[in-house]
Amino acid sequence: MERINPPELGKPSGFSHAVAAQGRLVFLAGQTALDSDNRIVGDGVVEQFERALGNLLTALRAAGGEPSDLCGLTVYIVDMDDYQAHAREIGRVWKRLVGADYPAMAGIGVHRLWDVEALVEVQGYAVVNR
């Protein structure tokens, strides 16, 4: 996998401008902070982000992948100001669960998610070479 960050676009922080990869493409459904009983857990955006990302990584591992196989990720955010206010904490969650490499990413503000209690949803794709 090659992470491409041309200097003309400026240094990215928390994402890569482009990712090139070859292998088995795995599409990962949007994940929120649902527990195994399909209830949203977590009092705030950081806790919900950690659970949602953990759920996404569980699906990825079940498909034979690892966090480093993530090529693209979209984060759907109900309250962008709250998300940005907790960006450092969310970044620490990312580094603990995924590592220092970032896929191509987008953060999109939305009015609400399927479960009204959900504050964040992550959806992505990966390329697995195993």
N, C-alpha and C. Protein backbone atom coordinates (compact mmCIF):
# COMPACT_ATOMS: atom_id res chain seq x y z
N MET A 1 0.84 -1.16 0.00
CA MET A 1 0.00 0.00 0.00
C MET A 1 0.89 1.23 0.00
N GLU A 2 0.54 2.18 -0.84
CA GLU A 2 1.31 3.41 -0.93
C GLU A 2 0.43 4.60 -0.55
N ARG A 3 0.86 5.35 0.43
CA ARG A 3 0.17 6.57 0.85
C ARG A 3 0.82 7.74 0.12
N ILE A 4 0.01 8.49 -0.61
CA ILE A 4 0.51 9.53 -1.51
C ILE A 4 0.09 10.90 -0.98
N ASN A 5 1.09 11.72 -0.65
CA ASN A 5 0.83 13.05 -0.11
C ASN A 5 1.71 14.07 -0.82
N PRO A 6 1.27 14.54 -2.00
CA PRO A 6 2.09 15.48 -2.77
C PRO A 6 2.28 16.79 -2.03
N PRO A 7 3.48 17.37 -2.10
CA PRO A 7 3.76 18.61 -1.38
C PRO A 7 2.92 19.79 -1.86
N GLU A 8 2.41 19.71 -3.08
CA GLU A 8 1.58 20.80 -3.60
C GLU A 8 0.26 20.94 -2.84
N LEU A 9 -0.17 19.87 -2.16
CA LEU A 9 -1.44 19.89 -1.43
C LEU A 9 -1.26 20.24 0.03
N GLY A 10 -0.05 20.42 0.50
CA GLY A 10 0.18 20.71 1.91
C GLY A 10 0.22 19.43 2.71
N LYS A 11 0.88 19.48 3.86
CA LYS A 11 1.03 18.30 4.70
C LYS A 11 -0.30 17.93 5.35
N PRO A 12 -0.78 16.70 5.15
CA PRO A 12 -2.04 16.30 5.77
C PRO A 12 -1.86 16.01 7.26
N SER A 13 -2.90 16.22 8.01
CA SER A 13 -2.89 15.92 9.44
C SER A 13 -4.10 15.05 9.74
N GLY A 14 -3.86 13.78 10.06
CA GLY A 14 -4.95 12.87 10.37
C GLY A 14 -5.60 12.22 9.18
N PHE A 15 -4.96 12.27 8.02
CA PHE A 15 -5.46 11.62 6.81
C PHE A 15 -4.35 11.58 5.79
N SER A 16 -4.54 10.82 4.72
CA SER A 16 -3.65 10.83 3.55
C SER A 16 -4.44 11.39 2.38
N HIS A 17 -3.76 12.11 1.48
CA HIS A 17 -4.45 12.67 0.31
C HIS A 17 -4.90 11.57 -0.64
N ALA A 18 -4.10 10.52 -0.80
CA ALA A 18 -4.46 9.41 -1.68
C ALA A 18 -3.76 8.15 -1.18
N VAL A 19 -4.36 7.01 -1.52
CA VAL A 19 -3.78 5.72 -1.17
C VAL A 19 -3.92 4.81 -2.38
N ALA A 20 -2.82 4.17 -2.78
CA ALA A 20 -2.85 3.21 -3.88
C ALA A 20 -2.54 1.82 -3.32
N ALA A 21 -3.30 0.83 -3.78
CA ALA A 21 -3.12 -0.53 -3.25
C ALA A 21 -3.59 -1.56 -4.27
N GLN A 22 -3.07 -2.77 -4.11
CA GLN A 22 -3.52 -3.91 -4.91
C GLN A 22 -3.87 -5.03 -3.96
N GLY A 23 -4.94 -5.76 -4.26
CA GLY A 23 -5.33 -6.88 -3.42
C GLY A 23 -6.84 -7.05 -3.41
N ARG A 24 -7.32 -7.75 -2.40
CA ARG A 24 -8.75 -8.03 -2.23
C ARG A 24 -9.43 -6.81 -1.59
N LEU A 25 -10.39 -6.23 -2.29
CA LEU A 25 -11.09 -5.04 -1.83
C LEU A 25 -12.20 -5.44 -0.85
N VAL A 26 -12.20 -4.84 0.33
CA VAL A 26 -13.20 -5.12 1.36
C VAL A 26 -13.94 -3.82 1.65
N PHE A 27 -15.26 -3.82 1.42
CA PHE A 27 -16.10 -2.67 1.73
C PHE A 27 -16.67 -2.86 3.12
N LEU A 28 -16.51 -1.85 3.96
CA LEU A 28 -16.93 -1.92 5.36
C LEU A 28 -18.15 -1.03 5.59
N ALA A 29 -19.24 -1.64 6.03
CA ALA A 29 -20.48 -0.91 6.27
C ALA A 29 -20.29 0.12 7.37
N GLY A 30 -21.11 1.14 7.33
CA GLY A 30 -21.08 2.16 8.37
C GLY A 30 -21.32 1.54 9.74
N GLN A 31 -20.49 1.94 10.69
CA GLN A 31 -20.58 1.43 12.05
C GLN A 31 -20.76 2.60 13.01
N THR A 32 -21.69 2.44 13.93
CA THR A 32 -21.88 3.40 15.01
C THR A 32 -21.44 2.73 16.31
N ALA A 33 -21.77 3.33 17.42
CA ALA A 33 -21.35 2.82 18.73
C ALA A 33 -22.31 1.77 19.27
N LEU A 34 -22.80 0.89 18.40
CA LEU A 34 -23.71 -0.17 18.84
C LEU A 34 -22.95 -1.26 19.59
N ASP A 35 -23.59 -1.74 20.68
CA ASP A 35 -23.03 -2.91 21.37
C ASP A 35 -23.65 -4.16 20.78
N SER A 36 -23.35 -5.32 21.35
CA SER A 36 -23.84 -6.59 20.79
C SER A 36 -25.35 -6.75 20.92
N ASP A 37 -26.00 -5.92 21.73
CA ASP A 37 -27.46 -5.92 21.85
C ASP A 37 -28.10 -4.83 20.99
N ASN A 38 -27.33 -4.26 20.07
CA ASN A 38 -27.79 -3.20 19.17
C ASN A 38 -28.28 -1.96 19.90
N ARG A 39 -27.56 -1.61 20.97
CA ARG A 39 -27.83 -0.37 21.71
C ARG A 39 -26.62 0.55 21.57
N ILE A 40 -26.88 1.84 21.37
CA ILE A 40 -25.80 2.82 21.32
C ILE A 40 -25.22 2.97 22.72
N VAL A 41 -23.88 2.88 22.81
CA VAL A 41 -23.20 3.05 24.09
C VAL A 41 -22.18 4.18 23.96
N GLY A 42 -21.89 4.81 25.09
CA GLY A 42 -20.93 5.91 25.11
C GLY A 42 -21.63 7.23 25.31
N ASP A 43 -21.14 7.99 26.28
CA ASP A 43 -21.78 9.25 26.64
C ASP A 43 -21.41 10.41 25.73
N GLY A 44 -20.26 10.34 25.10
CA GLY A 44 -19.83 11.47 24.28
C GLY A 44 -19.24 11.02 22.97
N VAL A 45 -18.81 11.99 22.18
CA VAL A 45 -18.32 11.71 20.83
C VAL A 45 -17.04 10.87 20.86
N VAL A 46 -16.16 11.07 21.84
CA VAL A 46 -14.92 10.31 21.90
C VAL A 46 -15.22 8.84 22.17
N GLU A 47 -16.06 8.57 23.17
CA GLU A 47 -16.42 7.19 23.50
C GLU A 47 -17.15 6.52 22.33
N GLN A 48 -18.04 7.27 21.70
CA GLN A 48 -18.77 6.69 20.57
C GLN A 48 -17.85 6.47 19.37
N PHE A 49 -16.92 7.38 19.12
CA PHE A 49 -15.97 7.18 18.03
C PHE A 49 -15.15 5.92 18.29
N GLU A 50 -14.68 5.74 19.52
CA GLU A 50 -13.88 4.57 19.84
C GLU A 50 -14.67 3.28 19.60
N ARG A 51 -15.92 3.24 20.01
CA ARG A 51 -16.74 2.04 19.82
C ARG A 51 -17.02 1.82 18.33
N ALA A 52 -17.38 2.89 17.62
CA ALA A 52 -17.69 2.77 16.18
C ALA A 52 -16.46 2.29 15.41
N LEU A 53 -15.30 2.89 15.68
CA LEU A 53 -14.07 2.46 15.00
C LEU A 53 -13.73 1.03 15.38
N GLY A 54 -13.90 0.68 16.64
CA GLY A 54 -13.66 -0.70 17.07
C GLY A 54 -14.58 -1.68 16.35
N ASN A 55 -15.83 -1.30 16.16
CA ASN A 55 -16.77 -2.16 15.42
C ASN A 55 -16.33 -2.33 13.98
N LEU A 56 -15.88 -1.23 13.35
CA LEU A 56 -15.40 -1.30 11.98
C LEU A 56 -14.18 -2.21 11.88
N LEU A 57 -13.27 -2.10 12.83
CA LEU A 57 -12.06 -2.94 12.82
C LEU A 57 -12.39 -4.41 13.09
N THR A 58 -13.43 -4.67 13.87
CA THR A 58 -13.89 -6.04 14.09
C THR A 58 -14.36 -6.65 12.77
N ALA A 59 -15.15 -5.88 12.01
CA ALA A 59 -15.60 -6.35 10.70
C ALA A 59 -14.43 -6.57 9.76
N LEU A 60 -13.46 -5.65 9.78
CA LEU A 60 -12.28 -5.78 8.93
C LEU A 60 -11.49 -7.04 9.27
N ARG A 61 -11.28 -7.28 10.55
CA ARG A 61 -10.53 -8.49 10.96
C ARG A 61 -11.28 -9.76 10.56
N ALA A 62 -12.60 -9.74 10.65
CA ALA A 62 -13.40 -10.89 10.24
C ALA A 62 -13.24 -11.17 8.74
N ALA A 63 -12.92 -10.13 7.97
CA ALA A 63 -12.68 -10.28 6.52
C ALA A 63 -11.23 -10.61 6.21
N GLY A 64 -10.43 -10.81 7.26
CA GLY A 64 -9.03 -11.18 7.06
C GLY A 64 -8.06 -10.01 7.03
N GLY A 65 -8.54 -8.82 7.38
CA GLY A 65 -7.70 -7.63 7.31
C GLY A 65 -7.19 -7.16 8.65
N GLU A 66 -6.33 -6.16 8.56
CA GLU A 66 -5.71 -5.50 9.72
C GLU A 66 -5.97 -4.01 9.59
N PRO A 67 -5.86 -3.25 10.69
CA PRO A 67 -6.07 -1.81 10.60
C PRO A 67 -5.20 -1.12 9.54
N SER A 68 -3.99 -1.62 9.34
CA SER A 68 -3.10 -1.01 8.34
C SER A 68 -3.59 -1.21 6.90
N ASP A 69 -4.60 -2.06 6.70
CA ASP A 69 -5.16 -2.30 5.37
C ASP A 69 -6.21 -1.26 4.97
N LEU A 70 -6.61 -0.40 5.90
CA LEU A 70 -7.61 0.61 5.58
C LEU A 70 -7.08 1.57 4.51
N CYS A 71 -7.85 1.74 3.44
CA CYS A 71 -7.48 2.66 2.36
C CYS A 71 -8.31 3.93 2.40
N GLY A 72 -9.55 3.81 2.81
CA GLY A 72 -10.44 4.96 2.83
C GLY A 72 -11.40 4.88 4.00
N LEU A 73 -11.72 6.03 4.56
CA LEU A 73 -12.64 6.07 5.70
C LEU A 73 -13.43 7.37 5.64
N THR A 74 -14.74 7.27 5.84
CA THR A 74 -15.59 8.44 5.96
C THR A 74 -16.17 8.45 7.36
N VAL A 75 -16.09 9.59 8.00
CA VAL A 75 -16.65 9.78 9.34
C VAL A 75 -17.84 10.72 9.19
N TYR A 76 -19.02 10.24 9.58
CA TYR A 76 -20.24 11.04 9.58
C TYR A 76 -20.43 11.57 10.99
N ILE A 77 -20.58 12.89 11.10
CA ILE A 77 -20.52 13.57 12.39
C ILE A 77 -21.79 14.40 12.60
N VAL A 78 -22.48 14.16 13.71
CA VAL A 78 -23.72 14.88 13.99
C VAL A 78 -23.43 16.31 14.46
N ASP A 79 -22.43 16.49 15.32
CA ASP A 79 -22.09 17.81 15.84
C ASP A 79 -20.62 18.10 15.54
N MET A 80 -20.38 18.79 14.44
CA MET A 80 -19.00 19.03 13.99
C MET A 80 -18.20 19.83 15.00
N ASP A 81 -18.80 20.81 15.64
CA ASP A 81 -18.08 21.61 16.64
C ASP A 81 -17.61 20.73 17.80
N ASP A 82 -18.46 19.84 18.26
CA ASP A 82 -18.11 18.94 19.35
C ASP A 82 -16.99 17.99 18.91
N TYR A 83 -17.09 17.47 17.70
CA TYR A 83 -16.06 16.57 17.17
C TYR A 83 -14.71 17.30 17.10
N GLN A 84 -14.72 18.50 16.56
CA GLN A 84 -13.48 19.27 16.45
C GLN A 84 -12.91 19.63 17.83
N ALA A 85 -13.77 19.91 18.78
CA ALA A 85 -13.31 20.23 20.13
C ALA A 85 -12.61 19.04 20.79
N HIS A 86 -12.94 17.84 20.35
CA HIS A 86 -12.35 16.62 20.91
C HIS A 86 -11.38 15.95 19.93
N ALA A 87 -10.90 16.69 18.95
CA ALA A 87 -10.06 16.12 17.90
C ALA A 87 -8.80 15.46 18.44
N ARG A 88 -8.15 16.04 19.42
CA ARG A 88 -6.93 15.44 19.97
C ARG A 88 -7.22 14.10 20.64
N GLU A 89 -8.31 14.04 21.39
CA GLU A 89 -8.70 12.79 22.05
C GLU A 89 -9.06 11.73 21.01
N ILE A 90 -9.78 12.13 19.98
CA ILE A 90 -10.15 11.21 18.90
C ILE A 90 -8.89 10.74 18.19
N GLY A 91 -7.93 11.64 17.98
CA GLY A 91 -6.65 11.25 17.38
C GLY A 91 -5.91 10.23 18.21
N ARG A 92 -5.96 10.36 19.53
CA ARG A 92 -5.31 9.38 20.41
C ARG A 92 -6.00 8.01 20.31
N VAL A 93 -7.33 8.02 20.20
CA VAL A 93 -8.06 6.76 20.00
C VAL A 93 -7.61 6.12 18.69
N TRP A 94 -7.52 6.93 17.62
CA TRP A 94 -7.09 6.42 16.32
C TRP A 94 -5.72 5.76 16.43
N LYS A 95 -4.77 6.46 17.03
CA LYS A 95 -3.40 5.93 17.12
C LYS A 95 -3.35 4.65 17.94
N ARG A 96 -4.16 4.56 18.99
CA ARG A 96 -4.17 3.35 19.81
C ARG A 96 -4.78 2.17 19.07
N LEU A 97 -5.85 2.40 18.30
CA LEU A 97 -6.54 1.31 17.62
C LEU A 97 -5.98 0.99 16.24
N VAL A 98 -5.50 2.00 15.53
CA VAL A 98 -5.08 1.82 14.13
C VAL A 98 -3.58 1.99 13.96
N GLY A 99 -3.00 2.98 14.59
CA GLY A 99 -1.58 3.25 14.43
C GLY A 99 -1.35 4.63 13.87
N ALA A 100 -0.16 4.82 13.32
CA ALA A 100 0.26 6.14 12.84
C ALA A 100 -0.07 6.39 11.38
N ASP A 101 -0.49 5.37 10.63
CA ASP A 101 -0.82 5.55 9.23
C ASP A 101 -2.29 5.92 9.09
N TYR A 102 -2.57 6.77 8.11
CA TYR A 102 -3.94 7.22 7.88
C TYR A 102 -4.37 6.89 6.45
N PRO A 103 -5.62 6.45 6.30
CA PRO A 103 -6.16 6.27 4.96
C PRO A 103 -6.60 7.61 4.39
N ALA A 104 -7.06 7.60 3.15
CA ALA A 104 -7.74 8.77 2.61
C ALA A 104 -9.03 8.91 3.43
N MET A 105 -9.31 10.11 3.92
CA MET A 105 -10.44 10.28 4.83
C MET A 105 -11.27 11.51 4.50
N ALA A 106 -12.52 11.46 4.95
CA ALA A 106 -13.41 12.62 4.88
C ALA A 106 -14.24 12.64 6.15
N GLY A 107 -14.49 13.82 6.66
CA GLY A 107 -15.41 14.03 7.77
C GLY A 107 -16.59 14.84 7.26
N ILE A 108 -17.79 14.30 7.42
CA ILE A 108 -18.98 14.92 6.84
C ILE A 108 -19.99 15.18 7.95
N GLY A 109 -20.43 16.42 8.05
CA GLY A 109 -21.46 16.77 9.01
C GLY A 109 -22.83 16.35 8.50
N VAL A 110 -23.61 15.73 9.39
CA VAL A 110 -24.95 15.27 9.03
C VAL A 110 -25.94 15.74 10.10
N HIS A 111 -27.20 15.81 9.72
CA HIS A 111 -28.25 16.24 10.65
C HIS A 111 -28.47 15.21 11.76
N ARG A 112 -28.52 13.94 11.38
CA ARG A 112 -28.65 12.84 12.34
C ARG A 112 -28.30 11.54 11.64
N LEU A 113 -28.12 10.49 12.45
CA LEU A 113 -27.81 9.16 11.94
C LEU A 113 -29.02 8.26 12.17
N TRP A 114 -28.94 7.01 11.68
CA TRP A 114 -30.07 6.08 11.77
C TRP A 114 -30.58 5.98 13.21
N ASP A 115 -29.67 5.73 14.16
CA ASP A 115 -30.04 5.71 15.57
C ASP A 115 -29.87 7.13 16.11
N VAL A 116 -30.94 7.71 16.60
CA VAL A 116 -30.93 9.10 17.01
C VAL A 116 -29.89 9.38 18.09
N GLU A 117 -29.52 8.38 18.89
CA GLU A 117 -28.52 8.57 19.95
C GLU A 117 -27.08 8.57 19.41
N ALA A 118 -26.90 8.11 18.19
CA ALA A 118 -25.57 8.02 17.60
C ALA A 118 -25.03 9.41 17.27
N LEU A 119 -23.79 9.65 17.68
CA LEU A 119 -23.13 10.93 17.43
C LEU A 119 -22.16 10.87 16.26
N VAL A 120 -21.72 9.65 15.91
CA VAL A 120 -20.71 9.47 14.88
C VAL A 120 -20.89 8.10 14.23
N GLU A 121 -20.56 8.02 12.94
CA GLU A 121 -20.57 6.76 12.20
C GLU A 121 -19.34 6.73 11.32
N VAL A 122 -18.70 5.57 11.23
CA VAL A 122 -17.54 5.41 10.37
C VAL A 122 -17.82 4.33 9.33
N GLN A 123 -17.42 4.60 8.11
CA GLN A 123 -17.60 3.69 6.99
C GLN A 123 -16.31 3.68 6.20
N GLY A 124 -15.90 2.52 5.69
CA GLY A 124 -14.63 2.52 4.98
C GLY A 124 -14.47 1.38 4.01
N TYR A 125 -13.26 1.31 3.48
CA TYR A 125 -12.86 0.19 2.65
C TYR A 125 -11.40 -0.08 2.88
N ALA A 126 -11.03 -1.31 2.59
CA ALA A 126 -9.66 -1.75 2.82
C ALA A 126 -9.23 -2.64 1.67
N VAL A 127 -7.91 -2.80 1.52
CA VAL A 127 -7.36 -3.73 0.56
C VAL A 127 -6.51 -4.72 1.35
N VAL A 128 -6.91 -5.99 1.26
CA VAL A 128 -6.27 -7.06 2.03
C VAL A 128 -5.42 -7.91 1.09
N ASN A 129 -4.17 -8.11 1.45
CA ASN A 129 -3.26 -8.89 0.62
C ASN A 129 -2.85 -10.18 1.29
N ARG A 130 -3.72 -10.79 2.05
CA ARG A 130 -3.42 -12.05 2.75
C ARG A 130 -4.24 -13.17 2.19
